[in-house]
Amino acid sequence: MTYPEPPLREPDLPRTAKVRPTALRTGWTTGACATAAAKAAVTALVSGAPQPEVEIGLPAGQRVRFPVARCELTGVPPRCAEAVVVKDAGDDPDVTHGAELTATVDWADAPGLRLAGGPGVGTVTKPGLGLAVGGPAINDTPRRMINAAVAEVVDLAEVGVRVVISVPGGEIMARKTTNRRLGILGGISILGTTGIVRPFSTASWRASVVQAVHVMAAQGERTVVLCTGGRTERAARALLPDLPEVCFVEVGDFTGAAVSAAVADGMTGVVFVGMAGKLAKLAAGILMTHYTRSRVDLSLLGAVTVEAGGDPALVAAVTGANTGRHAYELWEAAGLLGPAGDLLCHRVRQVLLRFAGHAVTVDVAMVDFAGSRTVASTGRWSR
């Protein structure tokens, strides 16, 4: 199977990225901070007492505590509570560092959680984000975290709670993000899949990726598994359960650096596990996929759709898609996710083989956006 060969590019890091002499400090996602604020507000509403700090659970099971910057009750007896948790992004160059994640909570008439976005939280206006158009830009994992945290305080099968998440100044922060291009208007997104911000987008993270490959090589391992983040690493471990932990490297945006290190260290095999957006960038020959240095090539995804047997209407829809995820959803709705995904994985394989000078074998797998199943591959894994 042959494809037109795109030029290979590994764009420079953002000019703001600097190598640091000490280890990078992790931080908290907007989703984790919103969850902490929501739990603090609900706890205050139930107890009648403002909360100085709060503990929440992260998706991986870790329990962490957050200071509450402000917690207030209104009404006698209290009918509404509001809590603020200030985001600490660690050493990640994040525009939302210092943002005041605010949860305003009152009782609802029917049992269950009613979650809404307030000022400073963006509104979704385009498909392709895995969120309802017209709803707040609060992603799936933060929604589940907030629900679980509130359920630790009240029985949602018996009690109704309304939670509104807002971010003062969020609309201004959003101007420094890609939200508007993605159709998220009026504020920032409430994001995060682990609750923890790890500083992927820095020169130091690039160095840590290379170091991880060196450590693996020093232990005599010869197959490196490159994953873009926590969800894809979980999926990769399920695909390759016999490999030791050291073989799995979270590369973030630095696939090219990892592959170069693997070749230099005499690796014999590279496995890449990712989602549609990163795969689309790699298929276009882009080996450093930071969002400020690369975009999804929708014309390439349109060409893949043609090759997979998509009709002209589907090809046009994919070519005009809002995001790589939107293209994925269009393929899935048309029953072409498997064939189109396989073709995309093969294109990525060709790019990685060329970049590595054919010095290693390469396998590629695409997983769904929960990281729970493999939807396409270069043939090593059946769907």
Protein backbone atom coordinates (compact mmCIF):
# COMPACT_ATOMS: atom_id res chain seq x y z
CA MET A 1 0.00 0.00 0.00
CA THR A 2 1.65 3.27 -1.10
CA TYR A 3 0.70 6.89 -0.51
CA PRO A 4 1.88 10.26 -1.75
CA GLU A 5 4.75 11.16 0.54
CA PRO A 6 4.23 14.41 2.50
CA PRO A 7 7.29 16.44 3.44
CA LEU A 8 8.54 15.59 6.92
CA ARG A 9 8.47 18.54 9.31
CA GLU A 10 9.44 18.90 12.95
CA PRO A 11 8.56 22.54 13.75
CA ASP A 12 10.51 24.48 16.35
CA LEU A 13 9.16 24.73 19.86
CA PRO A 14 7.24 27.88 20.80
CA ARG A 15 9.68 30.68 21.54
CA THR A 16 8.40 30.83 25.12
CA ALA A 17 9.54 27.27 25.82
CA LYS A 18 12.73 27.12 27.86
CA VAL A 19 14.76 24.30 29.33
CA ARG A 20 14.67 24.49 33.11
CA PRO A 21 17.48 23.36 35.42
CA THR A 22 15.04 21.73 37.84
CA ALA A 23 12.14 19.29 37.52
CA LEU A 24 8.90 20.74 36.20
CA ARG A 25 6.09 21.24 38.69
CA THR A 26 2.72 19.70 37.85
CA GLY A 27 -0.51 21.61 38.36
CA TRP A 28 -4.28 21.13 38.30
CA THR A 29 -6.65 21.19 35.36
CA THR A 30 -9.61 23.55 35.12
CA GLY A 31 -11.76 20.44 35.49
CA ALA A 32 -10.16 19.50 38.82
CA CYS A 33 -10.46 23.05 40.13
CA ALA A 34 -14.10 23.32 39.05
CA THR A 35 -14.78 19.99 40.77
CA ALA A 36 -13.18 21.22 44.00
CA ALA A 37 -15.17 24.44 43.87
CA ALA A 38 -18.41 22.54 43.27
CA LYS A 39 -17.83 20.17 46.18
CA ALA A 40 -16.87 23.01 48.52
CA ALA A 41 -20.03 24.92 47.61
CA VAL A 42 -22.31 21.90 48.03
CA THR A 43 -20.66 21.01 51.33
CA ALA A 44 -21.18 24.58 52.55
CA LEU A 45 -24.82 24.50 51.47
CA VAL A 46 -25.45 21.25 53.35
CA SER A 47 -23.46 22.11 56.48
CA GLY A 48 -24.26 25.82 56.65
CA ALA A 49 -20.54 26.56 57.15
CA PRO A 50 -18.04 28.02 54.64
CA GLN A 51 -15.33 25.55 53.67
CA PRO A 52 -11.63 26.57 53.91
CA GLU A 53 -10.45 23.52 51.94
CA VAL A 54 -11.89 20.51 50.14
CA GLU A 55 -10.82 17.02 49.07
CA ILE A 56 -11.78 15.43 45.76
CA GLY A 57 -10.99 12.22 43.91
CA LEU A 58 -9.14 12.22 40.59
CA PRO A 59 -10.05 9.77 37.79
CA ALA A 60 -7.13 7.47 38.61
CA GLY A 61 -8.29 7.19 42.24
CA GLN A 62 -5.87 9.64 43.88
CA ARG A 63 -7.38 11.90 46.58
CA VAL A 64 -6.14 15.50 46.61
CA ARG A 65 -6.93 18.60 48.69
CA PHE A 66 -7.47 22.13 47.42
CA PRO A 67 -7.52 25.40 49.36
CA VAL A 68 -10.77 27.32 48.86
CA ALA A 69 -10.06 30.97 48.12
CA ARG A 70 -13.60 32.11 48.89
CA CYS A 71 -16.75 30.38 50.13
CA GLU A 72 -20.00 32.24 50.86
CA LEU A 73 -23.59 31.39 51.77
CA THR A 74 -26.71 33.43 51.06
CA GLY A 75 -30.19 33.17 52.51
CA VAL A 76 -31.51 32.06 55.90
CA PRO A 77 -31.52 29.11 56.00
CA PRO A 78 -28.84 28.95 53.29
CA ARG A 79 -30.39 28.60 49.86
CA CYS A 80 -27.29 29.23 47.75
CA ALA A 81 -23.55 28.78 48.15
CA GLU A 82 -20.60 29.92 46.07
CA ALA A 83 -17.01 28.71 46.26
CA VAL A 84 -13.84 29.71 44.40
CA VAL A 85 -10.74 27.60 43.76
CA VAL A 86 -7.80 29.35 42.08
CA LYS A 87 -6.09 27.31 39.38
CA ASP A 88 -2.42 26.50 39.82
CA ALA A 89 -1.12 25.24 36.47
CA GLY A 90 2.32 24.34 37.83
CA ASP A 91 5.07 24.98 35.28
CA ASP A 92 2.81 24.55 32.27
CA PRO A 93 2.58 27.74 30.13
CA ASP A 94 -1.19 27.84 30.59
CA VAL A 95 -3.31 30.96 29.99
CA THR A 96 -5.72 29.80 32.70
CA HIS A 97 -3.09 29.83 35.46
CA GLY A 98 -4.54 31.91 38.28
CA ALA A 99 -8.11 31.63 36.97
CA GLU A 100 -10.81 31.70 39.64
CA LEU A 101 -12.89 28.58 39.03
CA THR A 102 -16.21 29.46 40.62
CA ALA A 103 -19.12 27.16 41.48
CA THR A 104 -22.52 28.58 42.39
CA VAL A 105 -24.84 25.99 43.88
CA ASP A 106 -28.50 25.85 44.89
CA TRP A 107 -31.20 23.22 45.24
CA ALA A 108 -33.10 21.89 42.23
CA ASP A 109 -36.68 20.62 42.22
CA ALA A 110 -35.93 17.15 40.78
CA PRO A 111 -33.27 14.67 41.96
CA GLY A 112 -29.93 14.64 40.18
CA LEU A 113 -27.24 17.08 39.15
CA ARG A 114 -27.99 20.00 36.84
CA LEU A 115 -24.68 21.35 35.48
CA ALA A 116 -24.47 24.64 33.58
CA GLY A 117 -21.87 27.12 32.42
CA GLY A 118 -21.83 30.69 33.65
CA PRO A 119 -19.87 33.79 32.60
CA GLY A 120 -16.39 33.01 31.36
CA VAL A 121 -17.18 29.42 30.35
CA GLY A 122 -17.44 28.99 26.59
CA THR A 123 -20.50 27.86 24.69
CA VAL A 124 -20.18 25.12 22.07
CA THR A 125 -21.37 26.30 18.65
CA LYS A 126 -19.93 23.65 16.32
CA PRO A 127 -19.94 19.84 16.27
CA GLY A 128 -16.84 17.71 16.61
CA LEU A 129 -15.97 18.31 20.25
CA GLY A 130 -17.94 15.49 21.81
CA LEU A 131 -20.23 18.06 23.45
CA ALA A 132 -23.76 19.21 22.72
CA VAL A 133 -23.98 22.25 20.47
CA GLY A 134 -25.44 25.09 22.50
CA GLY A 135 -24.18 23.67 25.79
CA PRO A 136 -21.28 24.73 27.97
CA ALA A 137 -17.73 23.73 27.07
CA ILE A 138 -17.33 21.41 30.05
CA ASN A 139 -15.73 18.20 28.86
CA ASP A 140 -16.83 14.69 29.74
CA THR A 141 -14.23 13.86 32.40
CA PRO A 142 -14.81 17.09 34.40
CA ARG A 143 -18.56 16.45 34.20
CA ARG A 144 -18.08 12.99 35.70
CA MET A 145 -15.68 14.34 38.33
CA ILE A 146 -18.14 17.04 39.40
CA ASN A 147 -20.98 14.52 39.56
CA ALA A 148 -18.90 12.14 41.68
CA ALA A 149 -17.72 14.91 44.01
CA VAL A 150 -21.24 16.24 44.59
CA ALA A 151 -22.47 12.67 45.16
CA GLU A 152 -19.97 12.37 48.03
CA VAL A 153 -21.92 15.10 49.82
CA VAL A 154 -25.57 14.43 48.90
CA ASP A 155 -27.56 11.50 47.55
CA LEU A 156 -28.36 12.61 44.00
CA ALA A 157 -30.98 9.88 43.73
CA GLU A 158 -32.95 11.75 46.39
CA VAL A 159 -31.80 15.38 46.12
CA GLY A 160 -31.55 17.80 43.22
CA VAL A 161 -28.56 20.14 42.96
CA ARG A 162 -27.90 22.87 40.40
CA VAL A 163 -24.22 23.73 39.81
CA VAL A 164 -23.14 26.66 37.65
CA ILE A 165 -19.43 26.88 36.81
CA SER A 166 -18.10 30.31 35.91
CA VAL A 167 -14.67 31.88 35.40
CA PRO A 168 -14.27 35.64 35.88
CA GLY A 169 -12.24 36.96 32.95
CA GLY A 170 -12.61 33.69 31.06
CA GLU A 171 -13.67 35.42 27.86
CA ILE A 172 -10.42 37.39 27.80
CA MET A 173 -8.36 34.28 28.56
CA ALA A 174 -10.06 32.47 25.69
CA ARG A 175 -8.66 34.98 23.19
CA LYS A 176 -5.24 33.38 23.73
CA THR A 177 -6.55 29.89 22.91
CA THR A 178 -7.88 28.16 19.79
CA ASN A 179 -11.42 28.12 21.20
CA ARG A 180 -12.93 30.50 18.67
CA ARG A 181 -11.57 28.49 15.74
CA LEU A 182 -13.14 25.39 17.29
CA GLY A 183 -16.47 27.13 17.71
CA ILE A 184 -16.25 27.64 21.49
CA LEU A 185 -17.39 31.20 22.10
CA GLY A 186 -17.57 33.44 25.13
CA GLY A 187 -15.01 31.84 27.40
CA ILE A 188 -12.61 29.04 28.21
CA SER A 189 -13.21 25.30 28.24
CA ILE A 190 -13.33 23.22 31.41
CA LEU A 191 -10.86 20.50 30.51
CA GLY A 192 -8.78 17.62 31.78
CA THR A 193 -8.69 13.84 31.56
CA THR A 194 -6.62 13.14 34.69
CA GLY A 195 -7.14 16.25 36.81
CA ILE A 196 -3.38 16.90 36.68
CA VAL A 197 -1.59 19.33 34.36
CA ARG A 198 1.70 17.91 33.18
CA PRO A 199 3.84 20.41 31.26
CA PHE A 200 3.92 18.65 27.89
CA SER A 201 4.46 21.75 25.77
CA THR A 202 7.96 22.73 26.88
CA ALA A 203 11.52 22.03 25.92
CA SER A 204 11.96 20.29 29.26
CA TRP A 205 9.16 17.87 28.42
CA ARG A 206 10.87 17.11 25.11
CA ALA A 207 14.03 16.33 27.03
CA SER A 208 12.12 14.08 29.42
CA VAL A 209 10.70 12.10 26.47
CA VAL A 210 14.18 11.50 25.10
CA GLN A 211 15.40 10.54 28.57
CA ALA A 212 12.54 8.04 28.97
CA VAL A 213 13.62 6.29 25.76
CA HIS A 214 17.24 6.21 26.96
CA VAL A 215 16.17 4.65 30.27
CA MET A 216 14.20 1.99 28.44
CA ALA A 217 17.14 1.19 26.18
CA ALA A 218 19.48 0.92 29.15
CA GLN A 219 17.25 -1.82 30.54
CA GLY A 220 17.61 -3.87 27.38
CA GLU A 221 14.13 -3.25 25.97
CA ARG A 222 13.84 -2.96 22.21
CA THR A 223 10.22 -1.95 21.57
CA VAL A 224 9.05 1.50 22.59
CA VAL A 225 5.34 2.34 22.76
CA LEU A 226 4.60 6.00 22.15
CA CYS A 227 1.38 7.37 23.64
CA THR A 228 0.09 10.92 23.47
CA GLY A 229 -1.39 11.04 26.98
CA GLY A 230 -2.98 9.17 29.84
CA ARG A 231 -5.96 7.72 27.97
CA THR A 232 -3.87 6.47 25.08
CA GLU A 233 -1.34 4.96 27.49
CA ARG A 234 -4.11 3.00 29.20
CA ALA A 235 -5.26 1.77 25.79
CA ALA A 236 -1.68 0.89 24.79
CA ARG A 237 -1.15 -1.12 27.98
CA ALA A 238 -4.31 -3.09 27.20
CA LEU A 239 -3.03 -3.78 23.68
CA LEU A 240 0.43 -4.82 24.85
CA PRO A 241 -0.02 -6.26 28.36
CA ASP A 242 3.21 -8.28 28.26
CA LEU A 243 5.51 -5.29 27.88
CA PRO A 244 7.03 -3.80 31.05
CA GLU A 245 5.96 -0.35 32.22
CA VAL A 246 9.23 1.26 31.15
CA CYS A 247 8.38 0.65 27.47
CA PHE A 248 5.42 3.05 27.52
CA VAL A 249 6.39 6.68 26.92
CA GLU A 250 3.95 9.61 26.98
CA VAL A 251 5.32 11.74 24.17
CA GLY A 252 2.78 14.56 24.22
CA ASP A 253 3.65 16.60 21.11
CA PHE A 254 7.15 15.17 20.66
CA THR A 255 6.77 12.07 18.51
CA GLY A 256 9.69 13.02 16.30
CA ALA A 257 12.05 13.41 19.24
CA ALA A 258 11.01 10.03 20.62
CA VAL A 259 11.47 8.25 17.29
CA SER A 260 14.90 9.84 16.79
CA ALA A 261 15.93 8.72 20.27
CA ALA A 262 14.64 5.20 19.60
CA VAL A 263 16.72 4.93 16.42
CA ALA A 264 19.82 6.35 18.12
CA ASP A 265 19.46 3.85 20.98
CA GLY A 266 19.14 0.86 18.66
CA MET A 267 15.45 0.16 19.20
CA THR A 268 13.99 -2.39 16.81
CA GLY A 269 10.30 -1.53 17.12
CA VAL A 270 8.12 1.54 17.56
CA VAL A 271 4.39 1.38 18.34
CA PHE A 272 2.34 4.57 18.21
CA VAL A 273 -1.08 4.69 19.88
CA GLY A 274 -3.12 7.86 19.43
CA MET A 275 -6.42 9.50 18.66
CA ALA A 276 -7.69 10.94 15.39
CA GLY A 277 -6.33 14.50 15.69
CA LYS A 278 -2.72 13.59 16.45
CA LEU A 279 -2.79 10.82 13.83
CA ALA A 280 -4.01 13.27 11.20
CA LYS A 281 -1.11 15.63 11.94
CA LEU A 282 1.44 12.83 11.83
CA ALA A 283 -0.02 11.50 8.59
CA ALA A 284 0.68 14.93 7.09
CA GLY A 285 4.35 14.58 8.04
CA ILE A 286 4.28 16.80 11.14
CA LEU A 287 6.44 15.25 13.86
CA MET A 288 6.03 17.98 16.51
CA THR A 289 2.32 18.51 16.95
CA HIS A 290 2.03 21.44 19.38
CA TYR A 291 -1.15 23.31 18.50
CA THR A 292 0.74 26.59 17.93
CA ARG A 293 2.92 24.90 15.31
CA SER A 294 0.52 22.61 13.46
CA ARG A 295 -3.07 22.14 12.35
CA VAL A 296 -5.09 19.14 11.26
CA ASP A 297 -4.96 18.83 7.46
CA LEU A 298 -8.62 18.25 6.62
CA SER A 299 -7.85 17.83 2.93
CA LEU A 300 -5.78 14.77 3.88
CA LEU A 301 -8.74 13.40 5.85
CA GLY A 302 -10.91 14.07 2.81
CA ALA A 303 -8.50 12.04 0.67
CA VAL A 304 -8.63 9.21 3.20
CA THR A 305 -12.44 9.34 3.02
CA VAL A 306 -12.32 8.97 -0.76
CA GLU A 307 -9.95 6.02 -0.49
CA ALA A 308 -12.20 4.38 2.12
CA GLY A 309 -15.15 4.54 -0.27
CA GLY A 310 -16.96 7.58 1.11
CA ASP A 311 -19.52 9.26 -1.12
CA PRO A 312 -19.02 12.86 -2.30
CA ALA A 313 -21.27 14.28 0.42
CA LEU A 314 -19.21 12.59 3.14
CA VAL A 315 -15.95 13.68 1.53
CA ALA A 316 -17.18 17.29 1.50
CA ALA A 317 -18.34 17.05 5.11
CA VAL A 318 -14.99 15.64 6.29
CA THR A 319 -13.01 18.20 4.31
CA GLY A 320 -15.06 20.93 5.97
CA ALA A 321 -15.00 19.35 9.44
CA ASN A 322 -14.39 21.45 12.52
CA THR A 323 -11.77 19.17 14.11
CA GLY A 324 -10.11 15.79 13.69
CA ARG A 325 -12.65 14.49 16.18
CA HIS A 326 -15.46 15.84 14.00
CA ALA A 327 -14.06 13.91 11.02
CA TYR A 328 -13.89 10.80 13.23
CA GLU A 329 -17.55 11.25 14.18
CA LEU A 330 -18.55 11.69 10.54
CA TRP A 331 -16.73 8.47 9.59
CA GLU A 332 -18.37 6.67 12.49
CA ALA A 333 -21.86 7.87 11.54
CA ALA A 334 -21.29 6.76 7.94
CA GLY A 335 -20.05 3.31 8.97
CA LEU A 336 -16.56 4.04 7.63
CA LEU A 337 -14.62 4.52 10.85
CA GLY A 338 -12.83 1.17 10.56
CA PRO A 339 -11.73 1.46 6.91
CA ALA A 340 -10.89 5.18 7.09
CA GLY A 341 -9.12 4.75 10.42
CA ASP A 342 -7.05 1.85 9.08
CA LEU A 343 -5.98 3.95 6.11
CA LEU A 344 -5.03 6.85 8.39
CA CYS A 345 -2.96 4.51 10.57
CA HIS A 346 -1.16 3.18 7.47
CA ARG A 347 -0.32 6.74 6.42
CA VAL A 348 1.12 7.47 9.86
CA ARG A 349 3.14 4.26 9.67
CA GLN A 350 4.65 5.34 6.35
CA VAL A 351 5.61 8.74 7.79
CA LEU A 352 7.24 7.23 10.89
CA LEU A 353 9.13 4.66 8.83
CA ARG A 354 10.51 7.39 6.57
CA PHE A 355 11.42 9.59 9.54
CA ALA A 356 13.23 6.65 11.16
CA GLY A 357 15.05 5.81 7.95
CA HIS A 358 13.36 2.39 8.03
CA ALA A 359 15.65 1.48 10.94
CA VAL A 360 12.75 0.19 13.06
CA THR A 361 9.48 -1.62 12.53
CA VAL A 362 6.39 0.52 13.09
CA ASP A 363 2.85 -0.33 14.17
CA VAL A 364 0.09 2.24 14.64
CA ALA A 365 -3.26 2.04 16.41
CA MET A 366 -6.08 4.55 16.74
CA VAL A 367 -8.23 4.45 19.87
CA ASP A 368 -11.55 6.08 20.66
CA PHE A 369 -11.74 9.28 22.66
CA ALA A 370 -12.22 7.48 25.95
CA GLY A 371 -9.14 5.34 25.31
CA SER A 372 -11.32 2.29 25.89
CA ARG A 373 -11.16 0.51 22.53
CA THR A 374 -9.05 0.23 19.43
CA VAL A 375 -10.99 1.39 16.39
CA ALA A 376 -8.31 1.07 13.70
CA SER A 377 -4.75 -0.11 13.23
CA THR A 378 -2.09 -1.11 10.72
CA GLY A 379 -3.22 -4.71 11.11
CA ARG A 380 -1.54 -5.92 14.26
CA TRP A 381 -4.72 -5.70 16.31
CA SER A 382 -8.21 -6.76 15.27
CA ARG A 383 -11.10 -4.47 16.13
